[in-house]
C-alpha cells in the first residue's frame, strides 16, 4: 500500500503547511503533558493521551502532503494505519496504537471503560 492508493477513498492531497503542522505538534505536546496529571481519572488521562496520538498522526500525514477525508468513516483508523508510511513506525507499534483506537471506540460508544 502507498498513500497514493488511498486517495479519494480515505485521503486527499494538501500542500503541507508548516504553521499548521507546528500547531498540531504543540497541541500534542500539551496533551502528552496533561495525560500525566495524576489527579485526573484514568479514563480522562487515556482520552487525552489518545488525542495526542491523533494529533501526531495527523501532523505526520500533513507533513507528507495528505489529510484524511473526515467526511468518511474511519479517519482515525487511517491516520494510525498510515504511520508506517508517514514516519516509518514499526508495524507492531502501529498494531498497538490501533488496539487503543478500538478500545477508545468501545468506551465512547458503550460507556464502559476497560482497565487493562
PDB file of N, CA and C in Angstrom:
ATOM      1  N   UNK A   1       0.828  -1.179   0.000  1.00  0.00           N
ATOM      2  CA  UNK A   1       0.000   0.000   0.000  1.00  0.00           C
ATOM      3  C   UNK A   1       0.877   1.249   0.000  1.00  0.00           C
ATOM      4  N   UNK A   2       0.463   2.220  -0.775  1.00  0.00           N
ATOM      5  CA  UNK A   2       1.083   3.539  -0.716  1.00  0.00           C
ATOM      6  C   UNK A   2       0.013   4.538  -0.306  1.00  0.00           C
ATOM      7  N   UNK A   3       0.442   5.700   0.105  1.00  0.00           N
ATOM      8  CA  UNK A   3      -0.528   6.733   0.462  1.00  0.00           C
ATOM      9  C   UNK A   3      -1.356   7.138  -0.748  1.00  0.00           C
ATOM     10  N   UNK A   4      -0.735   7.142  -1.922  1.00  0.00           N
ATOM     11  CA  UNK A   4      -1.467   7.490  -3.141  1.00  0.00           C
ATOM     12  C   UNK A   4      -2.615   6.516  -3.418  1.00  0.00           C
ATOM     13  N   UNK A   5      -2.462   5.262  -3.001  1.00  0.00           N
ATOM     14  CA  UNK A   5      -3.537   4.274  -3.200  1.00  0.00           C
ATOM     15  C   UNK A   5      -4.796   4.635  -2.423  1.00  0.00           C
ATOM     16  N   UNK A   6      -4.653   5.444  -1.380  1.00  0.00           N
ATOM     17  CA  UNK A   6      -5.792   5.801  -0.529  1.00  0.00           C
ATOM     18  C   UNK A   6      -6.486   7.095  -0.954  1.00  0.00           C
ATOM     19  N   UNK A   7      -5.943   7.744  -1.985  1.00  0.00           N
ATOM     20  CA  UNK A   7      -6.547   8.999  -2.452  1.00  0.00           C
ATOM     21  C   UNK A   7      -7.985   8.778  -2.888  1.00  0.00           C
ATOM     22  N   UNK A   8      -8.845   9.696  -2.490  1.00  0.00           N
ATOM     23  CA  UNK A   8     -10.273   9.713  -2.804  1.00  0.00           C
ATOM     24  C   UNK A   8     -11.059   8.650  -2.042  1.00  0.00           C
ATOM     25  N   UNK A   9     -10.382   7.668  -1.463  1.00  0.00           N
ATOM     26  CA  UNK A   9     -11.076   6.690  -0.625  1.00  0.00           C
ATOM     27  C   UNK A   9     -11.060   7.134   0.825  1.00  0.00           C
ATOM     28  N   UNK A  10      -9.874   7.528   1.308  1.00  0.00           N
ATOM     29  CA  UNK A  10      -9.779   7.967   2.700  1.00  0.00           C
ATOM     30  C   UNK A  10      -8.803   9.125   2.897  1.00  0.00           C
ATOM     31  N   UNK A  11      -8.067   9.490   1.838  1.00  0.00           N
ATOM     32  CA  UNK A  11      -7.125  10.604   1.914  1.00  0.00           C
ATOM     33  C   UNK A  11      -7.338  11.575   0.767  1.00  0.00           C
ATOM     34  N   UNK A  12      -6.896  12.806   0.997  1.00  0.00           N
ATOM     35  CA  UNK A  12      -6.811  13.793  -0.069  1.00  0.00           C
ATOM     36  C   UNK A  12      -5.448  14.474   0.035  1.00  0.00           C
ATOM     37  N   UNK A  13      -4.992  15.020  -1.062  1.00  0.00           N
ATOM     38  CA  UNK A  13      -3.712  15.709  -1.046  1.00  0.00           C
ATOM     39  C   UNK A  13      -3.908  17.148  -0.588  1.00  0.00           C
ATOM     40  N   UNK A  14      -2.887  17.651   0.067  1.00  0.00           N
ATOM     41  CA  UNK A  14      -2.863  19.045   0.504  1.00  0.00           C
ATOM     42  C   UNK A  14      -1.445  19.559   0.332  1.00  0.00           C
ATOM     43  N   UNK A  15      -1.295  20.860   0.420  1.00  0.00           N
ATOM     44  CA  UNK A  15       0.042  21.424   0.496  1.00  0.00           C
ATOM     45  C   UNK A  15       0.403  21.492   1.974  1.00  0.00           C
ATOM     46  N   UNK A  16       1.507  20.870   2.322  1.00  0.00           N
ATOM     47  CA  UNK A  16       1.918  20.856   3.727  1.00  0.00           C
ATOM     48  C   UNK A  16       2.136  22.289   4.208  1.00  0.00           C
ATOM     49  N   UNK A  17       1.518  22.629   5.325  1.00  0.00           N
ATOM     50  CA  UNK A  17       1.621  23.963   5.905  1.00  0.00           C
ATOM     51  C   UNK A  17       2.409  23.865   7.205  1.00  0.00           C
ATOM     52  N   UNK A  18       3.641  24.355   7.204  1.00  0.00           N
ATOM     53  CA  UNK A  18       4.480  24.233   8.406  1.00  0.00           C
ATOM     54  C   UNK A  18       3.859  24.860   9.655  1.00  0.00           C
ATOM     55  N   UNK A  19       3.068  25.902   9.497  1.00  0.00           N
ATOM     56  CA  UNK A  19       2.444  26.553  10.650  1.00  0.00           C
ATOM     57  C   UNK A  19       1.402  25.627  11.274  1.00  0.00           C
ATOM     58  N   UNK A  20       0.559  25.017  10.437  1.00  0.00           N
ATOM     59  CA  UNK A  20      -0.441  24.078  10.951  1.00  0.00           C
ATOM     60  C   UNK A  20       0.229  22.868  11.579  1.00  0.00           C
ATOM     61  N   UNK A  21       1.248  22.348  10.946  1.00  0.00           N
ATOM     62  CA  UNK A  21       1.951  21.176  11.480  1.00  0.00           C
ATOM     63  C   UNK A  21       2.561  21.513  12.838  1.00  0.00           C
ATOM     64  N   UNK A  22       3.146  22.688  12.972  1.00  0.00           N
ATOM     65  CA  UNK A  22       3.711  23.108  14.260  1.00  0.00           C
ATOM     66  C   UNK A  22       2.625  23.219  15.325  1.00  0.00           C
ATOM     67  N   UNK A  23       1.451  23.729  14.956  1.00  0.00           N
ATOM     68  CA  UNK A  23       0.341  23.831  15.911  1.00  0.00           C
ATOM     69  C   UNK A  23      -0.122  22.447  16.355  1.00  0.00           C
ATOM     70  N   UNK A  24      -0.173  21.496  15.422  1.00  0.00           N
ATOM     71  CA  UNK A  24      -0.546  20.127  15.771  1.00  0.00           C
ATOM     72  C   UNK A  24       0.467  19.514  16.740  1.00  0.00           C
ATOM     73  N   UNK A  25       1.746  19.741  16.478  1.00  0.00           N
ATOM     74  CA  UNK A  25       2.792  19.206  17.341  1.00  0.00           C
ATOM     75  C   UNK A  25       2.758  19.851  18.728  1.00  0.00           C
ATOM     76  N   UNK A  26       2.517  21.148  18.775  1.00  0.00           N
ATOM     77  CA  UNK A  26       2.418  21.846  20.058  1.00  0.00           C
ATOM     78  C   UNK A  26       1.223  21.341  20.854  1.00  0.00           C
ATOM     79  N   UNK A  27       0.084  21.183  20.198  1.00  0.00           N
ATOM     80  CA  UNK A  27      -1.107  20.670  20.875  1.00  0.00           C
ATOM     81  C   UNK A  27      -0.860  19.259  21.389  1.00  0.00           C
ATOM     82  N   UNK A  28      -0.162  18.436  20.614  1.00  0.00           N
ATOM     83  CA  UNK A  28       0.151  17.074  21.050  1.00  0.00           C
ATOM     84  C   UNK A  28       1.033  17.103  22.294  1.00  0.00           C
ATOM     85  N   UNK A  29       2.020  17.987  22.310  1.00  0.00           N
ATOM     86  CA  UNK A  29       2.910  18.090  23.473  1.00  0.00           C
ATOM     87  C   UNK A  29       2.131  18.484  24.731  1.00  0.00           C
ATOM     88  N   UNK A  30       1.194  19.417  24.593  1.00  0.00           N
ATOM     89  CA  UNK A  30       0.354  19.816  25.726  1.00  0.00           C
ATOM     90  C   UNK A  30      -0.476  18.632  26.207  1.00  0.00           C
ATOM     91  N   UNK A  31      -1.049  17.886  25.273  1.00  0.00           N
ATOM     92  CA  UNK A  31      -1.868  16.737  25.644  1.00  0.00           C
ATOM     93  C   UNK A  31      -1.042  15.642  26.315  1.00  0.00           C
ATOM     94  N   UNK A  32       0.158  15.421  25.840  1.00  0.00           N
ATOM     95  CA  UNK A  32       1.029  14.420  26.465  1.00  0.00           C
ATOM     96  C   UNK A  32       1.328  14.843  27.904  1.00  0.00           C
ATOM     97  N   UNK A  33       1.648  16.104  28.098  1.00  0.00           N
ATOM     98  CA  UNK A  33       1.906  16.611  29.450  1.00  0.00           C
ATOM     99  C   UNK A  33       0.663  16.445  30.328  1.00  0.00           C
ATOM    100  N   UNK A  34      -0.496  16.815  29.803  1.00  0.00           N
ATOM    101  CA  UNK A  34      -1.728  16.733  30.588  1.00  0.00           C
ATOM    102  C   UNK A  34      -2.136  15.298  30.900  1.00  0.00           C
ATOM    103  N   UNK A  35      -1.756  14.366  30.043  1.00  0.00           N
ATOM    104  CA  UNK A  35      -2.124  12.967  30.297  1.00  0.00           C
ATOM    105  C   UNK A  35      -1.390  12.395  31.500  1.00  0.00           C
ATOM    106  N   UNK A  36      -0.380  13.092  31.967  1.00  0.00           N
ATOM    107  CA  UNK A  36       0.379  12.632  33.128  1.00  0.00           C
ATOM    108  C   UNK A  36      -0.154  13.201  34.444  1.00  0.00           C
ATOM    109  N   UNK A  37      -1.206  13.990  34.390  1.00  0.00           N
ATOM    110  CA  UNK A  37      -1.756  14.585  35.614  1.00  0.00           C
ATOM    111  C   UNK A  37      -2.440  13.488  36.424  1.00  0.00           C
ATOM    112  N   UNK A  38      -1.823  13.140  37.526  1.00  0.00           N
ATOM    113  CA  UNK A  38      -2.292  12.006  38.338  1.00  0.00           C
ATOM    114  C   UNK A  38      -3.670  12.233  38.935  1.00  0.00           C
ATOM    115  N   UNK A  39      -4.062  13.478  39.129  1.00  0.00           N
ATOM    116  CA  UNK A  39      -5.362  13.762  39.739  1.00  0.00           C
ATOM    117  C   UNK A  39      -6.535  13.475  38.798  1.00  0.00           C
ATOM    118  N   UNK A  40      -6.273  13.340  37.526  1.00  0.00           N
ATOM    119  CA  UNK A  40      -7.332  13.015  36.564  1.00  0.00           C
ATOM    120  C   UNK A  40      -7.645  11.524  36.623  1.00  0.00           C
ATOM    121  N   UNK A  41      -8.860  11.185  36.251  1.00  0.00           N
ATOM    122  CA  UNK A  41      -9.227   9.769  36.196  1.00  0.00           C
ATOM    123  C   UNK A  41      -8.453   9.076  35.076  1.00  0.00           C
ATOM    124  N   UNK A  42      -8.329   7.773  35.199  1.00  0.00           N
ATOM    125  CA  UNK A  42      -7.665   7.010  34.135  1.00  0.00           C
ATOM    126  C   UNK A  42      -8.368   7.193  32.796  1.00  0.00           C
ATOM    127  N   UNK A  43      -9.693   7.285  32.819  1.00  0.00           N
ATOM    128  CA  UNK A  43     -10.463   7.472  31.593  1.00  0.00           C
ATOM    129  C   UNK A  43     -10.092   8.784  30.904  1.00  0.00           C
ATOM    130  N   UNK A  44     -10.003   9.864  31.695  1.00  0.00           N
ATOM    131  CA  UNK A  44      -9.651  11.155  31.110  1.00  0.00           C
ATOM    132  C   UNK A  44      -8.207  11.196  30.655  1.00  0.00           C
ATOM    133  N   UNK A  45      -7.329  10.568  31.419  1.00  0.00           N
ATOM    134  CA  UNK A  45      -5.922  10.520  31.005  1.00  0.00           C
ATOM    135  C   UNK A  45      -5.773   9.749  29.694  1.00  0.00           C
ATOM    136  N   UNK A  46      -6.516   8.655  29.570  1.00  0.00           N
ATOM    137  CA  UNK A  46      -6.489   7.884  28.330  1.00  0.00           C
ATOM    138  C   UNK A  46      -6.992   8.737  27.158  1.00  0.00           C
ATOM    139  N   UNK A  47      -8.119   9.414  27.350  1.00  0.00           N
ATOM    140  CA  UNK A  47      -8.672  10.261  26.283  1.00  0.00           C
ATOM    141  C   UNK A  47      -7.672  11.326  25.843  1.00  0.00           C
ATOM    142  N   UNK A  48      -7.012  11.944  26.807  1.00  0.00           N
ATOM    143  CA  UNK A  48      -6.035  12.987  26.485  1.00  0.00           C
ATOM    144  C   UNK A  48      -4.845  12.384  25.734  1.00  0.00           C
ATOM    145  N   UNK A  49      -4.370  11.231  26.195  1.00  0.00           N
ATOM    146  CA  UNK A  49      -3.262  10.563  25.508  1.00  0.00           C
ATOM    147  C   UNK A  49      -3.631  10.140  24.095  1.00  0.00           C
ATOM    148  N   UNK A  50      -4.856   9.632  23.955  1.00  0.00           N
ATOM    149  CA  UNK A  50      -5.324   9.226  22.626  1.00  0.00           C
ATOM    150  C   UNK A  50      -5.389  10.431  21.697  1.00  0.00           C
ATOM    151  N   UNK A  51      -5.851  11.563  22.213  1.00  0.00           N
ATOM    152  CA  UNK A  51      -5.912  12.771  21.396  1.00  0.00           C
ATOM    153  C   UNK A  51      -4.508  13.159  20.922  1.00  0.00           C
ATOM    154  N   UNK A  52      -3.521  13.003  21.785  1.00  0.00           N
ATOM    155  CA  UNK A  52      -2.141  13.300  21.389  1.00  0.00           C
ATOM    156  C   UNK A  52      -1.695  12.401  20.240  1.00  0.00           C
ATOM    157  N   UNK A  53      -2.064  11.123  20.310  1.00  0.00           N
ATOM    158  CA  UNK A  53      -1.725  10.194  19.223  1.00  0.00           C
ATOM    159  C   UNK A  53      -2.334  10.683  17.909  1.00  0.00           C
ATOM    160  N   UNK A  54      -3.593  11.085  17.952  1.00  0.00           N
ATOM    161  CA  UNK A  54      -4.273  11.544  16.739  1.00  0.00           C
ATOM    162  C   UNK A  54      -3.648  12.835  16.200  1.00  0.00           C
ATOM    163  N   UNK A  55      -3.292  13.755  17.089  1.00  0.00           N
ATOM    164  CA  UNK A  55      -2.653  14.993  16.651  1.00  0.00           C
ATOM    165  C   UNK A  55      -1.317  14.700  15.973  1.00  0.00           C
ATOM    166  N   UNK A  56      -0.537  13.793  16.547  1.00  0.00           N
ATOM    167  CA  UNK A  56       0.759  13.448  15.958  1.00  0.00           C
ATOM    168  C   UNK A  56       0.599  12.708  14.631  1.00  0.00           C
ATOM    169  N   UNK A  57      -0.360  11.800  14.570  1.00  0.00           N
ATOM    170  CA  UNK A  57      -0.596  11.078  13.318  1.00  0.00           C
ATOM    171  C   UNK A  57      -1.078  12.029  12.230  1.00  0.00           C
ATOM    172  N   UNK A  58      -1.904  12.993  12.608  1.00  0.00           N
ATOM    173  CA  UNK A  58      -2.378  13.992  11.658  1.00  0.00           C
ATOM    174  C   UNK A  58      -1.205  14.843  11.165  1.00  0.00           C
ATOM    175  N   UNK A  59      -0.332  15.255  12.081  1.00  0.00           N
ATOM    176  CA  UNK A  59       0.851  16.029  11.687  1.00  0.00           C
ATOM    177  C   UNK A  59       1.726  15.234  10.723  1.00  0.00           C
ATOM    178  N   UNK A  60       1.875  13.943  10.974  1.00  0.00           N
ATOM    179  CA  UNK A  60       2.677  13.091  10.094  1.00  0.00           C
ATOM    180  C   UNK A  60       2.079  13.036   8.694  1.00  0.00           C
ATOM    181  N   UNK A  61       0.774  12.838   8.627  1.00  0.00           N
ATOM    182  CA  UNK A  61       0.112  12.803   7.317  1.00  0.00           C
ATOM    183  C   UNK A  61       0.275  14.138   6.587  1.00  0.00           C
ATOM    184  N   UNK A  62      -0.010  15.222   7.310  1.00  0.00           N
ATOM    185  CA  UNK A  62       0.065  16.530   6.675  1.00  0.00           C
ATOM    186  C   UNK A  62       1.480  16.870   6.238  1.00  0.00           C
ATOM    187  N   UNK A  63       2.469  16.424   6.993  1.00  0.00           N
ATOM    188  CA  UNK A  63       3.866  16.639   6.596  1.00  0.00           C
ATOM    189  C   UNK A  63       4.195  15.944   5.279  1.00  0.00           C
ATOM    190  N   UNK A  64       3.458  14.890   4.989  1.00  0.00           N
ATOM    191  CA  UNK A  64       3.640  14.154   3.741  1.00  0.00           C
ATOM    192  C   UNK A  64       2.706  14.614   2.629  1.00  0.00           C
ATOM    193  N   UNK A  65       1.943  15.685   2.882  1.00  0.00           N
ATOM    194  CA  UNK A  65       1.070  16.242   1.857  1.00  0.00           C
ATOM    195  C   UNK A  65      -0.289  15.578   1.733  1.00  0.00           C
ATOM    196  N   UNK A  66      -0.769  14.990   2.825  1.00  0.00           N
ATOM    197  CA  UNK A  66      -2.073  14.326   2.822  1.00  0.00           C
ATOM    198  C   UNK A  66      -2.865  14.712   4.065  1.00  0.00           C
ATOM    199  N   UNK A  67      -4.165  14.521   3.997  1.00  0.00           N
ATOM    200  CA  UNK A  67      -5.018  14.566   5.188  1.00  0.00           C
ATOM    201  C   UNK A  67      -6.170  13.611   4.949  1.00  0.00           C
ATOM    202  N   UNK A  68      -6.759  13.187   6.059  1.00  0.00           N
ATOM    203  CA  UNK A  68      -7.862  12.244   5.941  1.00  0.00           C
ATOM    204  C   UNK A  68      -9.125  12.952   5.479  1.00  0.00           C
ATOM    205  N   UNK A  69      -9.985  12.188   4.838  1.00  0.00           N
ATOM    206  CA  UNK A  69     -11.309  12.685   4.477  1.00  0.00           C
ATOM    207  C   UNK A  69     -12.204  12.451   5.687  1.00  0.00           C
ATOM    208  N   UNK A  70     -12.409  13.479   6.476  1.00  0.00           N
ATOM    209  CA  UNK A  70     -13.192  13.315   7.703  1.00  0.00           C
ATOM    210  C   UNK A  70     -14.675  13.149   7.424  1.00  0.00           C
ATOM    211  N   UNK A  71     -15.074  13.364   6.173  1.00  0.00           N
ATOM    212  CA  UNK A  71     -16.478  13.153   5.816  1.00  0.00           C
ATOM    213  C   UNK A  71     -16.798  11.671   5.647  1.00  0.00           C
ATOM    214  N   UNK A  72     -15.765  10.853   5.653  1.00  0.00           N
ATOM    215  CA  UNK A  72     -15.945   9.406   5.517  1.00  0.00           C
ATOM    216  C   UNK A  72     -15.539   8.731   6.823  1.00  0.00           C
ATOM    217  N   UNK A  73     -16.206   7.638   7.169  1.00  0.00           N
ATOM    218  CA  UNK A  73     -15.842   6.954   8.414  1.00  0.00           C
ATOM    219  C   UNK A  73     -14.436   6.371   8.344  1.00  0.00           C
ATOM    220  N   UNK A  74     -13.840   6.208   9.510  1.00  0.00           N
ATOM    221  CA  UNK A  74     -12.544   5.541   9.581  1.00  0.00           C
ATOM    222  C   UNK A  74     -11.341   6.449   9.532  1.00  0.00           C
ATOM    223  N   UNK A  75     -11.510   7.760   9.732  1.00  0.00           N
ATOM    224  CA  UNK A  75     -10.344   8.634   9.589  1.00  0.00           C
ATOM    225  C   UNK A  75      -9.326   8.420  10.711  1.00  0.00           C
ATOM    226  N   UNK A  76      -9.749   8.061  11.914  1.00  0.00           N
ATOM    227  CA  UNK A  76      -8.772   7.754  12.968  1.00  0.00           C
ATOM    228  C   UNK A  76      -7.981   6.496  12.592  1.00  0.00           C
ATOM    229  N   UNK A  77      -8.680   5.493  12.097  1.00  0.00           N
ATOM    230  CA  UNK A  77      -8.017   4.262  11.680  1.00  0.00           C
ATOM    231  C   UNK A  77      -7.009   4.552  10.574  1.00  0.00           C
ATOM    232  N   UNK A  78      -7.396   5.367   9.619  1.00  0.00           N
ATOM    233  CA  UNK A  78      -6.490   5.715   8.518  1.00  0.00           C
ATOM    234  C   UNK A  78      -5.251   6.425   9.040  1.00  0.00           C
ATOM    235  N   UNK A  79      -5.440   7.389   9.958  1.00  0.00           N
ATOM    236  CA  UNK A  79      -4.285   8.125  10.481  1.00  0.00           C
ATOM    237  C   UNK A  79      -3.307   7.189  11.171  1.00  0.00           C
ATOM    238  N   UNK A  80      -3.827   6.250  11.957  1.00  0.00           N
ATOM    239  CA  UNK A  80      -2.949   5.316  12.658  1.00  0.00           C
ATOM    240  C   UNK A  80      -2.290   4.346  11.682  1.00  0.00           C
ATOM    241  N   UNK A  81      -3.070   3.797  10.765  1.00  0.00           N
ATOM    242  CA  UNK A  81      -2.535   2.762   9.890  1.00  0.00           C
ATOM    243  C   UNK A  81      -1.609   3.300   8.798  1.00  0.00           C
ATOM    244  N   UNK A  82      -1.547   4.610   8.626  1.00  0.00           N
ATOM    245  CA  UNK A  82      -0.598   5.174   7.668  1.00  0.00           C
ATOM    246  C   UNK A  82       0.727   5.552   8.326  1.00  0.00           C
ATOM    247  N   UNK A  83       0.825   5.455   9.650  1.00  0.00           N
ATOM    248  CA  UNK A  83       2.067   5.819  10.339  1.00  0.00           C
ATOM    249  C   UNK A  83       3.307   5.062   9.842  1.00  0.00           C
ATOM    250  N   UNK A  84       3.212   3.780   9.483  1.00  0.00           N
ATOM    251  CA  UNK A  84       4.407   3.134   8.918  1.00  0.00           C
ATOM    252  C   UNK A  84       4.891   3.820   7.634  1.00  0.00           C
ATOM    253  N   UNK A  85       3.982   4.385   6.861  1.00  0.00           N
ATOM    254  CA  UNK A  85       4.367   5.077   5.621  1.00  0.00           C
ATOM    255  C   UNK A  85       4.800   6.525   5.882  1.00  0.00           C
ATOM    256  N   UNK A  86       4.164   7.192   6.854  1.00  0.00           N
ATOM    257  CA  UNK A  86       4.454   8.608   7.056  1.00  0.00           C
ATOM    258  C   UNK A  86       5.692   8.850   7.906  1.00  0.00           C
ATOM    259  N   UNK A  87       5.906   8.006   8.915  1.00  0.00           N
ATOM    260  CA  UNK A  87       7.065   8.216   9.797  1.00  0.00           C
ATOM    261  C   UNK A  87       7.909   6.960   9.999  1.00  0.00           C
ATOM    262  N   UNK A  88       7.589   5.891   9.277  1.00  0.00           N
ATOM    263  CA  UNK A  88       8.361   4.660   9.392  1.00  0.00           C
ATOM    264  C   UNK A  88       8.119   3.904  10.690  1.00  0.00           C
ATOM    265  N   UNK A  89       6.935   4.102  11.287  1.00  0.00           N
ATOM    266  CA  UNK A  89       6.608   3.414  12.536  1.00  0.00           C
ATOM    267  C   UNK A  89       6.607   1.908  12.318  1.00  0.00           C
ATOM    268  N   UNK A  90       7.151   1.199  13.282  1.00  0.00           N
ATOM    269  CA  UNK A  90       7.165  -0.262  13.259  1.00  0.00           C
ATOM    270  C   UNK A  90       5.731  -0.797  13.219  1.00  0.00           C
ATOM    271  N   UNK A  91       5.501  -1.823  12.442  1.00  0.00           N
ATOM    272  CA  UNK A  91       4.160  -2.390  12.289  1.00  0.00           C
ATOM    273  C   UNK A  91       3.591  -2.860  13.629  1.00  0.00           C
ATOM    274  N   UNK A  92       4.416  -3.468  14.466  1.00  0.00           N
ATOM    275  CA  UNK A  92       3.920  -3.932  15.767  1.00  0.00           C
ATOM    276  C   UNK A  92       3.434  -2.767  16.619  1.00  0.00           C
ATOM    277  N   UNK A  93       4.122  -1.640  16.588  1.00  0.00           N
ATOM    278  CA  UNK A  93       3.703  -0.458  17.346  1.00  0.00           C
ATOM    279  C   UNK A  93       2.414   0.101  16.758  1.00  0.00           C
ATOM    280  N   UNK A  94       2.291   0.078  15.438  1.00  0.00           N
ATOM    281  CA  UNK A  94       1.059   0.547  14.796  1.00  0.00           C
ATOM    282  C   UNK A  94      -0.123  -0.319  15.223  1.00  0.00           C
ATOM    283  N   UNK A  95       0.087  -1.622  15.334  1.00  0.00           N
ATOM    284  CA  UNK A  95      -0.972  -2.528  15.774  1.00  0.00           C
ATOM    285  C   UNK A  95      -1.387  -2.191  17.211  1.00  0.00           C
ATOM    286  N   UNK A  96      -0.411  -1.875  18.068  1.00  0.00           N
ATOM    287  CA  UNK A  96      -0.733  -1.483  19.445  1.00  0.00           C
ATOM    288  C   UNK A  96      -1.567  -0.198  19.466  1.00  0.00           C
ATOM    289  N   UNK A  97      -1.188   0.779  18.660  1.00  0.00           N
ATOM    290  CA  UNK A  97      -1.947   2.033  18.611  1.00  0.00           C
ATOM    291  C   UNK A  97      -3.355   1.796  18.072  1.00  0.00           C
ATOM    292  N   UNK A  98      -3.465   0.909  17.096  1.00  0.00           N
ATOM    293  CA  UNK A  98      -4.790   0.622  16.552  1.00  0.00           C
ATOM    294  C   UNK A  98      -5.659  -0.095  17.585  1.00  0.00           C
ATOM    295  N   UNK A  99      -5.055  -0.913  18.431  1.00  0.00           N
ATOM    296  CA  UNK A  99      -5.806  -1.559  19.504  1.00  0.00           C
ATOM    297  C   UNK A  99      -6.338  -0.508  20.489  1.00  0.00           C
ATOM    298  N   UNK A 100      -5.559   0.529  20.747  1.00  0.00           N
ATOM    299  CA  UNK A 100      -6.031   1.624  21.598  1.00  0.00           C
ATOM    300  C   UNK A 100      -7.210   2.347  20.953  1.00  0.00           C
ATOM    301  N   UNK A 101      -7.134   2.514  19.639  1.00  0.00           N
ATOM    302  CA  UNK A 101      -8.247   3.145  18.917  1.00  0.00           C
ATOM    303  C   UNK A 101      -9.519   2.324  19.095  1.00  0.00           C
ATOM    304  N   UNK A 102      -9.395   1.010  18.969  1.00  0.00           N
ATOM    305  CA  UNK A 102     -10.562   0.139  19.117  1.00  0.00           C
ATOM    306  C   UNK A 102     -11.117   0.208  20.537  1.00  0.00           C
ATOM    307  N   UNK A 103     -10.244   0.230  21.524  1.00  0.00           N
ATOM    308  CA  UNK A 103     -10.701   0.322  22.909  1.00  0.00           C
ATOM    309  C   UNK A 103     -11.357   1.676  23.170  1.00  0.00           C
ATOM    310  N   UNK A 104     -10.834   2.721  22.575  1.00  0.00           N
ATOM    311  CA  UNK A 104     -11.440   4.038  22.717  1.00  0.00           C
ATOM    312  C   UNK A 104     -12.848   4.038  22.127  1.00  0.00           C
ATOM    313  N   UNK A 105     -13.028   3.387  20.983  1.00  0.00           N
ATOM    314  CA  UNK A 105     -14.359   3.310  20.379  1.00  0.00           C
ATOM    315  C   UNK A 105     -15.342   2.570  21.282  1.00  0.00           C
ATOM    316  N   UNK A 106     -14.892   1.484  21.869  1.00  0.00           N
ATOM    317  CA  UNK A 106     -15.766   0.732  22.785  1.00  0.00           C
ATOM    318  C   UNK A 106     -16.207   1.635  23.925  1.00  0.00           C
ATOM    319  N   UNK A 107     -15.264   2.363  24.495  1.00  0.00           N
ATOM    320  CA  UNK A 107     -15.587   3.260  25.604  1.00  0.00           C
ATOM    321  C   UNK A 107     -16.548   4.353  25.163  1.00  0.00           C
ATOM    322  N   UNK A 108     -16.260   4.979  24.030  1.00  0.00           N
ATOM    323  CA  UNK A 108     -17.094   6.094  23.565  1.00  0.00           C
ATOM    324  C   UNK A 108     -18.506   5.669  23.197  1.00  0.00           C
ATOM    325  N   UNK A 109     -18.664   4.462  22.682  1.00  0.00           N
ATOM    326  CA  UNK A 109     -19.982   4.055  22.214  1.00  0.00           C
ATOM    327  C   UNK A 109     -20.737   3.152  23.176  1.00  0.00           C
ATOM    328  N   UNK A 110     -20.050   2.674  24.238  1.00  0.00           N
ATOM    329  CA  UNK A 110     -20.754   1.833  25.206  1.00  0.00           C
ATOM    330  C   UNK A 110     -20.763   2.432  26.612  1.00  0.00           C
ATOM    331  N   UNK A 111     -19.865   3.382  26.852  1.00  0.00           N
ATOM    332  CA  UNK A 111     -19.755   3.947  28.184  1.00  0.00           C
ATOM    333  C   UNK A 111     -18.990   3.066  29.156  1.00  0.00           C
ATOM    334  N   UNK A 112     -18.473   1.944  28.672  1.00  0.00           N
ATOM    335  CA  UNK A 112     -17.737   1.021  29.521  1.00  0.00           C
ATOM    336  C   UNK A 112     -16.248   1.270  29.348  1.00  0.00           C
ATOM    337  N   UNK A 113     -15.583   1.612  30.447  1.00  0.00           N
ATOM    338  CA  UNK A 113     -14.139   1.817  30.387  1.00  0.00           C
ATOM    339  C   UNK A 113     -13.454   0.519  30.777  1.00  0.00           C
ATOM    340  N   UNK A 114     -12.452   0.145  30.033  1.00  0.00           N
ATOM    341  CA  UNK A 114     -11.692  -1.065  30.281  1.00  0.00           C
ATOM    342  C   UNK A 114     -10.508  -0.705  31.161  1.00  0.00           C
ATOM    343  N   UNK A 115     -10.040  -1.620  31.919  1.00  0.00           N
ATOM    344  CA  UNK A 115      -8.964  -1.318  32.860  1.00  0.00           C
ATOM    345  C   UNK A 115      -7.621  -1.927  32.473  1.00  0.00           C
ATOM    346  N   UNK A 116      -7.566  -2.739  31.447  1.00  0.00           N
ATOM    347  CA  UNK A 116      -6.283  -3.345  31.092  1.00  0.00           C
ATOM    348  C   UNK A 116      -5.863  -2.917  29.718  1.00  0.00           C
TER     349      UNK A 116
END
